[in-house]
């Protein structure tokens, strides 16, 4: 298999007219006229930037680009104008997107070195040099990502093997401050790319056992991580009926993967352990309640929540927060078979609560309920789960935000704050007692689907019954975890949640 693009980002003191690279990316707000060093660049290009703006070929619209060739006038042979959008709406997320657009163009142009002159503007109150460096690095990693490890022959020569990006600033002091943020952003960006690759891999490669092996590999590489895996026999011994039920129909047996981050030195005594729980259904056929065939190939992405937790734990190990953090990944393949669980079955879960199965395609909550109850038994609080859980969430809020539900307002507010910092947007939805009522069964404690309405909320309400006294929140990422094939850059997983979970967990 071909290796992913090797990405690195650093900050240097320099000038956009003299820095050497294969591509120079320069940021402009909408209707911004060239001034200062940008005006000097325009003069070097014989007024090409001004001409493009007069012709409306480049307006500065967010993430738009225009390419010019310098013909030796400066040390970069190519100049890419990148739109930053309206100045009054400038934000760190817009800057992150601009860096992603520049890195994506570098990949398309097979330009292995990239210089960024994007940040000489006002990007809001939170835009310290460190934060600017962080989002620029995150953007470069995101835009430079391509999933092409199975391409061969001529198709494999579409991009460079590496991208070396430099953020250019005329001040050494500013470059030093940018560099500190770039280090954090590179950790987050690399972890997100790691999660994207795992999520993109097909079900004949990524099985529950393969995820377990990957988690063990991750733990071996970081002294602060340890890994424990419960196989089907150990799951049975622990009476984890939810996970076992989902995996019964597949030849690929289920697993519960438990990563533990132990901070170097002493953990803060003020906080209980934090748990991140990620659903990892390696392929979701729907089981006996089988899905329509159209689009079923995308059901390999039903492991996206679990891969986000893997990515977050990798980043957490690098950032070294002072809190004990668990990453729990319940994993199974949901297949129809002679041993599959059935509609009408009653399953006894790890918490000893019983669940009437009314639809085998509501399998994610059956995995999560065991893992959440296990995390609560470990003494974790808060517990945050993330899952591609319901189509109902996509119908309710679309593909631009993930649904956020939980049992503690302070935790909800903290996650919303982390969301603003990372650009991974959330929308708070309810999951209170009226939704719990919809999940009650007449022949068991609960049933695994509700009625026709509010499916995202009833699913979350079901999960809330397994958190016990712990503070708990649920992220339904069904609408945001994957870019469709119509996207020009890297269709597939976007690794949603890696940055969000890490920033929350590490207290950034």
Protein backbone atom coordinates (compact mmCIF):
# COMPACT_ATOMS: atom_id res chain seq x y z
CA UNK A 1 0.00 0.00 0.00
CA UNK A 2 1.18 3.51 -0.74
CA UNK A 3 2.04 5.69 2.25
CA UNK A 4 0.05 8.85 3.00
CA UNK A 5 1.50 12.23 2.11
CA UNK A 6 4.18 13.18 4.63
CA UNK A 7 3.27 16.64 5.97
CA UNK A 8 5.27 19.06 8.08
CA UNK A 9 4.67 22.69 9.07
CA UNK A 10 7.01 25.23 10.66
CA UNK A 11 7.28 29.01 11.11
CA UNK A 12 10.13 31.17 9.80
CA UNK A 13 11.09 34.81 9.72
CA UNK A 14 11.06 35.90 6.10
CA UNK A 15 9.46 37.87 3.31
CA UNK A 16 6.99 36.72 0.70
CA UNK A 17 9.16 38.12 -2.10
CA UNK A 18 12.29 36.21 -1.12
CA UNK A 19 11.17 32.98 0.56
CA UNK A 20 11.93 30.00 -1.73
CA UNK A 21 9.24 27.36 -2.31
CA UNK A 22 7.28 25.71 -5.09
CA UNK A 23 4.07 27.57 -4.20
CA UNK A 24 3.44 30.83 -2.34
CA UNK A 25 -0.08 31.24 -0.89
CA UNK A 26 -1.16 34.81 -0.09
CA UNK A 27 -4.42 35.63 1.67
CA UNK A 28 -6.86 38.39 0.70
CA UNK A 29 -10.14 39.41 2.27
CA UNK A 30 -13.07 40.21 -0.02
CA UNK A 31 -12.49 43.48 -1.89
CA UNK A 32 -9.10 43.96 -0.20
CA UNK A 33 -6.68 45.95 -2.35
CA UNK A 34 -3.01 44.99 -2.43
CA UNK A 35 -1.07 46.99 0.15
CA UNK A 36 2.28 46.74 1.87
CA UNK A 37 4.16 43.59 0.91
CA UNK A 38 1.15 42.39 -1.09
CA UNK A 39 1.40 45.56 -3.20
CA UNK A 40 5.10 44.86 -3.69
CA UNK A 41 4.18 41.35 -4.84
CA UNK A 42 1.62 42.78 -7.28
CA UNK A 43 4.27 45.04 -8.76
CA UNK A 44 6.62 42.09 -9.17
CA UNK A 45 3.82 40.31 -11.05
CA UNK A 46 3.27 43.38 -13.29
CA UNK A 47 -0.11 44.18 -11.73
CA UNK A 48 -1.58 40.75 -12.36
CA UNK A 49 -3.29 40.65 -8.95
CA UNK A 50 -4.95 44.05 -9.46
CA UNK A 51 -6.06 43.02 -12.95
CA UNK A 52 -7.60 39.77 -11.69
CA UNK A 53 -9.50 41.70 -9.04
CA UNK A 54 -10.79 44.29 -11.53
CA UNK A 55 -12.02 41.48 -13.78
CA UNK A 56 -13.65 39.78 -10.76
CA UNK A 57 -11.62 36.66 -11.54
CA UNK A 58 -10.61 36.77 -7.89
CA UNK A 59 -12.77 38.48 -5.29
CA UNK A 60 -11.43 37.12 -2.02
CA UNK A 61 -14.47 34.91 -1.40
CA UNK A 62 -13.76 32.43 1.39
CA UNK A 63 -11.50 29.54 0.27
CA UNK A 64 -11.52 30.68 -3.38
CA UNK A 65 -8.18 30.61 -5.20
CA UNK A 66 -6.44 32.11 -8.23
CA UNK A 67 -3.10 30.89 -9.58
CA UNK A 68 -0.35 33.03 -11.14
CA UNK A 69 3.15 32.29 -12.43
CA UNK A 70 5.99 34.59 -11.40
CA UNK A 71 8.32 33.88 -14.34
CA UNK A 72 11.33 34.38 -12.07
CA UNK A 73 10.19 37.71 -10.63
CA UNK A 74 10.25 36.21 -7.12
CA UNK A 75 11.74 33.01 -5.71
CA UNK A 76 8.46 31.10 -5.89
CA UNK A 77 7.47 30.05 -9.43
CA UNK A 78 3.77 29.92 -8.51
CA UNK A 79 1.64 32.38 -6.54
CA UNK A 80 -1.75 31.34 -5.22
CA UNK A 81 -4.22 33.94 -4.01
CA UNK A 82 -6.49 32.49 -1.33
CA UNK A 83 -9.78 34.11 -0.31
CA UNK A 84 -10.33 34.84 3.38
CA UNK A 85 -13.95 35.94 2.99
CA UNK A 86 -15.56 39.08 4.41
CA UNK A 87 -13.24 40.93 6.76
CA UNK A 88 -16.01 41.68 9.27
CA UNK A 89 -16.68 37.92 9.51
CA UNK A 90 -13.02 36.91 9.77
CA UNK A 91 -12.41 33.97 12.08
CA UNK A 92 -9.81 31.39 12.96
CA UNK A 93 -11.92 28.75 11.24
CA UNK A 94 -11.81 30.81 8.04
CA UNK A 95 -8.05 30.98 8.34
CA UNK A 96 -7.92 27.20 8.86
CA UNK A 97 -9.99 26.72 5.70
CA UNK A 98 -7.72 29.05 3.74
CA UNK A 99 -4.66 27.04 4.78
CA UNK A 100 -6.48 23.86 3.76
CA UNK A 101 -7.27 25.33 0.33
CA UNK A 102 -3.62 26.28 -0.15
CA UNK A 103 -2.36 22.84 0.87
CA UNK A 104 -4.90 21.12 -1.36
CA UNK A 105 -3.73 23.22 -4.31
CA UNK A 106 -0.12 22.30 -3.55
CA UNK A 107 -1.04 18.62 -3.72
CA UNK A 108 -2.91 19.07 -7.00
CA UNK A 109 0.03 20.99 -8.48
CA UNK A 110 2.51 18.38 -7.19
CA UNK A 111 4.30 21.20 -5.38
CA UNK A 112 6.21 19.65 -2.45
CA UNK A 113 7.03 22.96 -0.72
CA UNK A 114 4.50 25.59 0.29
CA UNK A 115 4.91 29.07 1.79
CA UNK A 116 1.95 30.63 3.63
CA UNK A 117 1.41 34.39 3.96
CA UNK A 118 -2.19 34.22 5.10
CA UNK A 119 -2.39 35.58 8.62
CA UNK A 120 -1.62 39.34 8.36
CA UNK A 121 -5.12 40.41 9.35
CA UNK A 122 -7.60 40.52 12.24
CA UNK A 123 -9.13 37.10 12.89
CA UNK A 124 -11.12 37.83 16.03
CA UNK A 125 -10.52 38.19 19.74
CA UNK A 126 -9.14 34.66 20.17
CA UNK A 127 -6.57 35.07 17.42
CA UNK A 128 -3.32 35.07 19.38
CA UNK A 129 -0.19 34.09 17.43
CA UNK A 130 -0.31 30.68 19.08
CA UNK A 131 -3.91 30.08 18.02
CA UNK A 132 -3.14 31.32 14.52
CA UNK A 133 -0.24 28.90 14.27
CA UNK A 134 -2.43 26.05 15.49
CA UNK A 135 -5.21 26.57 12.95
CA UNK A 136 -2.76 27.09 10.07
CA UNK A 137 -1.09 23.76 10.82
CA UNK A 138 -4.45 22.01 11.20
CA UNK A 139 -5.53 23.44 7.84
CA UNK A 140 -2.37 22.32 6.06
CA UNK A 141 -2.74 18.76 7.32
CA UNK A 142 -6.42 18.69 6.40
CA UNK A 143 -5.98 20.10 2.89
CA UNK A 144 -2.94 17.97 2.06
CA UNK A 145 -4.71 14.72 2.97
CA UNK A 146 -5.58 12.22 0.23
CA UNK A 147 -6.77 8.66 0.67
CA UNK A 148 -5.04 6.80 -2.15
CA UNK A 149 -3.14 3.95 -0.52
CA UNK A 150 -4.70 1.37 -2.86
CA UNK A 151 -4.07 3.24 -6.13
CA UNK A 152 -1.40 1.81 -8.40
CA UNK A 153 0.30 2.60 -11.70
CA UNK A 154 -0.26 6.03 -13.26
CA UNK A 155 -3.04 6.83 -10.82
CA UNK A 156 -0.56 6.71 -7.94
CA UNK A 157 1.50 9.58 -9.42
CA UNK A 158 -1.16 12.23 -8.96
CA UNK A 159 0.44 13.88 -5.95
CA UNK A 160 3.78 14.48 -4.22
CA UNK A 161 5.03 12.16 -1.52
CA UNK A 162 5.47 15.01 0.91
CA UNK A 163 4.41 18.59 1.64
CA UNK A 164 6.77 20.90 3.51
CA UNK A 165 4.90 24.04 4.56
CA UNK A 166 6.33 27.18 6.14
CA UNK A 167 4.34 29.99 7.75
CA UNK A 168 6.19 33.19 6.92
CA UNK A 169 6.27 36.25 9.19
CA UNK A 170 8.45 39.33 9.00
CA UNK A 171 9.01 39.28 12.79
CA UNK A 172 11.18 36.70 14.54
CA UNK A 173 9.21 37.18 17.76
CA UNK A 174 5.93 36.50 15.95
CA UNK A 175 7.43 33.48 14.18
CA UNK A 176 8.50 32.03 17.54
CA UNK A 177 4.96 32.43 18.93
CA UNK A 178 3.46 30.94 15.77
CA UNK A 179 5.80 27.96 16.10
CA UNK A 180 4.38 27.05 19.52
CA UNK A 181 0.87 26.90 18.10
CA UNK A 182 2.07 25.04 15.02
CA UNK A 183 3.41 22.27 17.24
CA UNK A 184 -0.03 21.74 18.78
CA UNK A 185 -1.78 22.08 15.42
CA UNK A 186 0.56 19.54 13.85
CA UNK A 187 -0.24 17.03 16.60
CA UNK A 188 -3.96 17.56 16.05
CA UNK A 189 -3.71 17.58 12.27
CA UNK A 190 -1.60 14.43 12.14
CA UNK A 191 -3.98 12.62 14.51
CA UNK A 192 -6.95 13.66 12.38
CA UNK A 193 -5.28 12.32 9.22
CA UNK A 194 -4.54 9.07 11.07
CA UNK A 195 -8.22 8.70 12.01
CA UNK A 196 -9.31 9.54 8.45
CA UNK A 197 -7.16 6.78 6.99
CA UNK A 198 -8.46 4.17 9.41
CA UNK A 199 -12.06 5.23 8.79
CA UNK A 200 -11.52 5.15 5.01
CA UNK A 201 -10.13 1.61 4.95
CA UNK A 202 -12.63 -1.02 3.80
CA UNK A 203 -14.28 -3.70 5.92
CA UNK A 204 -12.19 -6.50 4.42
CA UNK A 205 -9.13 -4.74 5.91
CA UNK A 206 -10.49 -3.17 9.09
CA UNK A 207 -12.24 -5.71 11.32
CA UNK A 208 -12.80 -5.47 15.09
CA UNK A 209 -9.62 -7.51 15.59
CA UNK A 210 -7.70 -5.17 13.26
CA UNK A 211 -8.84 -2.12 15.27
CA UNK A 212 -7.70 -3.88 18.44
CA UNK A 213 -4.30 -4.53 16.86
CA UNK A 214 -4.05 -0.86 15.84
CA UNK A 215 -4.87 0.26 19.38
CA UNK A 216 -2.17 -2.03 20.80
CA UNK A 217 0.31 -0.62 18.27
CA UNK A 218 -0.63 2.89 19.35
CA UNK A 219 -0.08 1.99 23.00
CA UNK A 220 3.34 0.46 22.27
CA UNK A 221 4.42 3.73 20.65
CA UNK A 222 3.50 5.94 23.64
CA UNK A 223 4.75 5.32 27.18
CA UNK A 224 1.68 7.04 28.63
CA UNK A 225 -0.79 4.69 26.89
CA UNK A 226 -1.80 1.17 27.82
CA UNK A 227 -4.25 -1.07 26.01
CA UNK A 228 -6.59 -3.85 27.10
CA UNK A 229 -8.79 -5.77 24.67
CA UNK A 230 -11.78 -7.91 25.57
CA UNK A 231 -12.39 -10.64 22.97
CA UNK A 232 -15.66 -12.54 22.56
CA UNK A 233 -14.92 -14.94 25.43
CA UNK A 234 -14.04 -12.12 27.79
CA UNK A 235 -17.08 -10.14 26.66
CA UNK A 236 -19.22 -13.16 27.50
CA UNK A 237 -17.54 -13.47 30.89
CA UNK A 238 -18.30 -9.80 31.55
CA UNK A 239 -21.90 -10.37 30.31
CA UNK A 240 -21.67 -7.59 27.73
CA UNK A 241 -24.78 -8.73 25.90
CA UNK A 242 -25.17 -5.61 23.77
CA UNK A 243 -21.78 -5.88 22.06
CA UNK A 244 -22.09 -9.65 21.70
CA UNK A 245 -25.56 -9.42 20.15
CA UNK A 246 -24.46 -7.08 17.38
CA UNK A 247 -21.44 -9.19 16.50
CA UNK A 248 -23.15 -12.58 16.50
CA UNK A 249 -23.94 -12.67 12.78
CA UNK A 250 -20.38 -12.08 11.58
CA UNK A 251 -17.36 -14.35 11.26
CA UNK A 252 -15.37 -11.35 12.55
CA UNK A 253 -15.91 -11.49 16.29
CA UNK A 254 -16.54 -8.30 18.31
CA UNK A 255 -14.11 -6.55 20.62
CA UNK A 256 -14.14 -3.96 23.36
CA UNK A 257 -10.94 -1.95 23.19
CA UNK A 258 -9.82 -0.02 26.25
CA UNK A 259 -7.01 2.52 25.91
CA UNK A 260 -5.83 4.26 29.07
CA UNK A 261 -3.79 7.45 29.15
CA UNK A 262 -1.85 7.90 32.39
CA UNK A 263 -0.22 11.33 32.67
CA UNK A 264 3.51 11.51 33.34
CA UNK A 265 4.12 12.21 37.03
CA UNK A 266 0.95 12.60 39.06
CA UNK A 267 -2.51 13.08 37.65
CA UNK A 268 -4.51 16.01 38.94
CA UNK A 269 -6.37 14.86 42.05
CA UNK A 270 -9.21 17.28 41.38
CA UNK A 271 -10.75 15.35 38.51
CA UNK A 272 -12.23 11.90 38.03
CA UNK A 273 -11.01 10.06 34.93
CA UNK A 274 -12.52 11.20 31.64
CA UNK A 275 -13.90 8.61 29.20
CA UNK A 276 -14.13 8.99 25.44
CA UNK A 277 -16.32 6.28 23.90
CA UNK A 278 -16.47 5.72 20.13
CA UNK A 279 -18.77 3.43 18.17
CA UNK A 280 -16.81 1.28 15.70
CA UNK A 281 -19.09 -0.83 13.53
CA UNK A 282 -16.63 -1.95 10.87
CA UNK A 283 -19.45 -2.65 8.43
CA UNK A 284 -23.14 -2.08 8.98
CA UNK A 285 -25.37 -4.11 6.69
CA UNK A 286 -28.25 -3.52 9.09
CA UNK A 287 -28.23 -7.18 10.06
CA UNK A 288 -31.52 -9.02 9.57
CA UNK A 289 -33.21 -5.59 9.28
CA UNK A 290 -31.02 -5.17 6.21
CA UNK A 291 -30.36 -1.80 4.63
CA UNK A 292 -31.14 -0.96 0.97
CA UNK A 293 -28.30 -1.90 -1.35
CA UNK A 294 -27.83 1.62 -2.73
CA UNK A 295 -25.03 3.36 -0.87
CA UNK A 296 -24.27 0.37 1.34
CA UNK A 297 -20.60 0.60 0.41
CA UNK A 298 -20.41 3.66 2.64
CA UNK A 299 -21.33 1.61 5.69
CA UNK A 300 -17.61 1.07 6.25
CA UNK A 301 -17.75 4.58 7.72
CA UNK A 302 -19.89 3.39 10.63
CA UNK A 303 -16.66 3.03 12.57
CA UNK A 304 -15.96 6.79 12.39
CA UNK A 305 -16.72 7.47 16.06
CA UNK A 306 -14.28 4.83 17.20
CA UNK A 307 -11.60 6.09 14.84
CA UNK A 308 -12.08 9.62 16.20
CA UNK A 309 -11.39 8.25 19.69
CA UNK A 310 -8.26 6.45 18.45
CA UNK A 311 -7.04 9.68 16.85
CA UNK A 312 -7.83 11.69 19.96
CA UNK A 313 -5.96 9.26 22.22
CA UNK A 314 -2.93 9.50 19.94
CA UNK A 315 -3.00 13.29 20.18
CA UNK A 316 -3.62 13.24 23.94
CA UNK A 317 -0.53 11.07 24.46
CA UNK A 318 1.53 13.69 22.60
CA UNK A 319 0.04 16.69 24.42
CA UNK A 320 0.38 15.14 27.91
CA UNK A 321 -2.51 16.62 29.90
CA UNK A 322 -2.55 16.00 33.69
CA UNK A 323 -5.73 13.91 33.75
CA UNK A 324 -6.32 10.19 33.44
CA UNK A 325 -8.27 9.56 30.25
CA UNK A 326 -9.84 6.36 28.94
CA UNK A 327 -10.64 5.68 25.30
CA UNK A 328 -13.24 2.93 24.93
CA UNK A 329 -14.03 1.53 21.49
CA UNK A 330 -16.76 -1.12 21.24
CA UNK A 331 -16.40 -2.73 17.83
CA UNK A 332 -18.43 -5.24 15.85
CA UNK A 333 -19.50 -6.08 12.30
CA UNK A 334 -23.29 -6.03 11.89
CA UNK A 335 -24.11 -8.80 9.41
CA UNK A 336 -27.07 -11.07 8.65
CA UNK A 337 -26.33 -14.72 9.34
CA UNK A 338 -27.64 -17.88 10.89
CA UNK A 339 -26.50 -16.72 14.31
CA UNK A 340 -27.57 -13.05 14.00
CA UNK A 341 -29.58 -11.37 16.66
CA UNK A 342 -33.19 -10.90 15.61
CA UNK A 343 -36.07 -8.46 15.94
CA UNK A 344 -37.99 -9.66 18.97
CA UNK A 345 -34.93 -10.84 20.89
CA UNK A 346 -34.42 -9.59 24.43
CA UNK A 347 -30.79 -8.79 25.25
CA UNK A 348 -29.37 -8.43 28.74
CA UNK A 349 -26.72 -5.69 28.71
CA UNK A 350 -23.65 -5.19 30.90
CA UNK A 351 -25.65 -2.90 33.21
CA UNK A 352 -28.16 -5.77 33.64
CA UNK A 353 -30.84 -3.67 31.95
CA UNK A 354 -32.79 -5.65 29.36
CA UNK A 355 -33.46 -4.42 25.84
CA UNK A 356 -36.12 -5.59 23.41
CA UNK A 357 -34.69 -5.63 19.88
CA UNK A 358 -37.18 -4.14 17.45
CA UNK A 359 -34.71 -3.37 14.66
CA UNK A 360 -31.24 -4.87 14.25
CA UNK A 361 -30.13 -1.77 12.33
CA UNK A 362 -30.29 0.20 15.60
CA UNK A 363 -27.07 -1.56 16.58
CA UNK A 364 -24.81 1.33 17.54
CA UNK A 365 -26.67 2.03 20.76
CA UNK A 366 -26.34 -1.65 21.70
CA UNK A 367 -22.56 -1.36 21.50
CA UNK A 368 -22.44 1.99 23.24
CA UNK A 369 -24.71 1.07 26.14
CA UNK A 370 -22.27 -1.61 27.31
CA UNK A 371 -19.22 0.63 26.86
CA UNK A 372 -20.82 3.60 28.63
CA UNK A 373 -21.88 1.42 31.57
CA UNK A 374 -18.34 -0.01 31.73
CA UNK A 375 -16.85 3.50 31.75
CA UNK A 376 -19.21 4.50 34.56
CA UNK A 377 -18.09 1.45 36.57
CA UNK A 378 -14.46 2.58 36.08
CA UNK A 379 -15.42 5.79 37.88
CA UNK A 380 -15.25 8.01 34.80
CA UNK A 381 -17.04 11.34 34.73
CA UNK A 382 -17.65 12.88 32.34
CA UNK A 383 -18.28 10.24 29.71
CA UNK A 384 -18.46 11.49 26.12
CA UNK A 385 -19.55 9.14 23.37
CA UNK A 386 -19.34 9.82 19.66
CA UNK A 387 -21.08 7.81 16.96
CA UNK A 388 -22.52 7.85 13.47
CA UNK A 389 -25.73 6.92 15.21
CA UNK A 390 -28.90 8.10 13.43
CA UNK A 391 -30.10 9.19 10.04
CA UNK A 392 -32.66 11.17 12.00
CA UNK A 393 -29.94 13.55 13.15
CA UNK A 394 -28.97 14.23 9.53
CA UNK A 395 -32.61 14.95 8.67
CA UNK A 396 -32.94 17.25 11.68
CA UNK A 397 -29.82 19.42 11.32
CA UNK A 398 -28.16 18.45 8.03
CA UNK A 399 -24.50 17.87 7.29
CA UNK A 400 -22.84 20.98 8.73
CA UNK A 401 -23.16 20.21 12.43
CA UNK A 402 -23.15 17.22 14.76
CA UNK A 403 -25.93 16.71 17.26
CA UNK A 404 -24.99 17.24 20.92
CA UNK A 405 -27.06 15.82 23.76
CA UNK A 406 -26.34 15.14 27.42
CA UNK A 407 -27.36 15.19 31.05
CA UNK A 408 -25.27 18.10 32.36
CA UNK A 409 -25.51 21.71 31.19
CA UNK A 410 -21.96 22.63 32.24
CA UNK A 411 -20.57 19.74 30.21
CA UNK A 412 -22.71 20.77 27.24
CA UNK A 413 -21.40 24.34 27.44
CA UNK A 414 -17.80 23.11 27.68
CA UNK A 415 -18.20 21.00 24.55
CA UNK A 416 -19.79 23.90 22.69
CA UNK A 417 -16.82 26.06 23.68
CA UNK A 418 -14.39 23.40 22.42
CA UNK A 419 -16.43 23.22 19.22
CA UNK A 420 -15.95 26.94 18.59
CA UNK A 421 -12.22 26.54 19.10
CA UNK A 422 -11.84 23.65 16.65
CA UNK A 423 -14.39 24.63 14.00
CA UNK A 424 -16.18 21.27 14.38
CA UNK A 425 -19.66 22.63 14.92
CA UNK A 426 -22.27 21.20 17.27
CA UNK A 427 -25.98 21.80 17.82
CA UNK A 428 -27.58 21.11 21.19
CA UNK A 429 -30.64 18.83 21.03
CA UNK A 430 -32.83 17.51 23.89
CA UNK A 431 -32.88 13.97 25.28
CA UNK A 432 -34.87 14.35 28.51
CA UNK A 433 -37.49 12.15 30.16
CA UNK A 434 -40.17 12.57 27.52
CA UNK A 435 -37.79 10.94 25.03
CA UNK A 436 -36.91 8.21 27.52
CA UNK A 437 -40.62 7.34 27.69
CA UNK A 438 -40.55 6.61 23.95
CA UNK A 439 -37.82 4.01 24.54
CA UNK A 440 -39.62 1.98 27.20
CA UNK A 441 -40.75 -1.54 26.30
CA UNK A 442 -43.73 -3.47 27.59
CA UNK A 443 -41.71 -6.68 27.88
CA UNK A 444 -38.21 -5.41 28.76
CA UNK A 445 -36.65 -2.40 30.47
CA UNK A 446 -36.09 -0.64 27.14
CA UNK A 447 -36.48 -1.16 23.41
CA UNK A 448 -33.82 -0.24 20.90
CA UNK A 449 -35.91 2.07 18.69
CA UNK A 450 -38.51 4.70 19.44
CA UNK A 451 -41.40 5.93 17.39
CA UNK A 452 -41.48 7.77 14.10
CA UNK A 453 -40.37 11.15 15.40
CA UNK A 454 -37.24 12.54 17.07
CA UNK A 455 -35.03 9.56 16.35
CA UNK A 456 -31.78 11.31 17.25
CA UNK A 457 -33.24 12.42 20.59
CA UNK A 458 -34.76 9.06 21.49
CA UNK A 459 -31.50 7.29 20.64
CA UNK A 460 -29.60 9.63 22.96
CA UNK A 461 -32.27 9.17 25.64
CA UNK A 462 -31.70 5.41 25.41
CA UNK A 463 -27.96 5.89 25.99
CA UNK A 464 -28.57 8.22 28.93
CA UNK A 465 -30.01 5.28 30.89
CA UNK A 466 -26.56 3.65 31.01
CA UNK A 467 -24.47 6.56 32.28
CA UNK A 468 -25.57 6.14 35.88
CA UNK A 469 -24.54 9.11 38.02
CA UNK A 470 -21.77 10.21 35.67
CA UNK A 471 -21.91 13.40 33.69
CA UNK A 472 -22.46 12.28 30.10
CA UNK A 473 -22.68 13.74 26.62
CA UNK A 474 -23.38 12.21 23.23
CA UNK A 475 -22.20 13.40 19.81
CA UNK A 476 -24.23 12.13 16.85
CA UNK A 477 -21.83 12.61 13.91
CA UNK A 478 -23.86 10.76 11.27
CA UNK A 479 -24.16 13.88 9.09
CA UNK A 480 -20.66 15.26 9.42
CA UNK A 481 -18.27 12.32 9.51
CA UNK A 482 -17.91 11.86 5.75
CA UNK A 483 -17.55 13.99 2.63
CA UNK A 484 -19.42 12.66 -0.39
CA UNK A 485 -17.91 11.75 -3.73
CA UNK A 486 -18.98 15.13 -5.14
CA UNK A 487 -16.38 16.87 -2.99
CA UNK A 488 -13.32 17.71 -5.09
CA UNK A 489 -10.85 17.19 -2.25
CA UNK A 490 -10.41 13.77 -0.64
CA UNK A 491 -13.93 12.32 -0.50
CA UNK A 492 -14.43 10.05 2.48
CA UNK A 493 -13.81 10.52 6.19
CA UNK A 494 -13.00 13.99 7.51
CA UNK A 495 -12.00 12.68 10.93
CA UNK A 496 -14.68 14.75 12.63
CA UNK A 497 -14.27 14.88 16.38
CA UNK A 498 -10.54 14.23 16.69
CA UNK A 499 -9.71 17.90 17.29
CA UNK A 500 -12.86 18.48 19.34
CA UNK A 501 -12.34 15.54 21.71
CA UNK A 502 -8.64 16.33 22.10
CA UNK A 503 -9.11 20.02 22.80
CA UNK A 504 -11.77 19.20 25.39
CA UNK A 505 -9.80 16.37 26.98
CA UNK A 506 -6.48 18.20 27.07
CA UNK A 507 -7.99 21.41 28.42
CA UNK A 508 -6.72 23.49 25.50
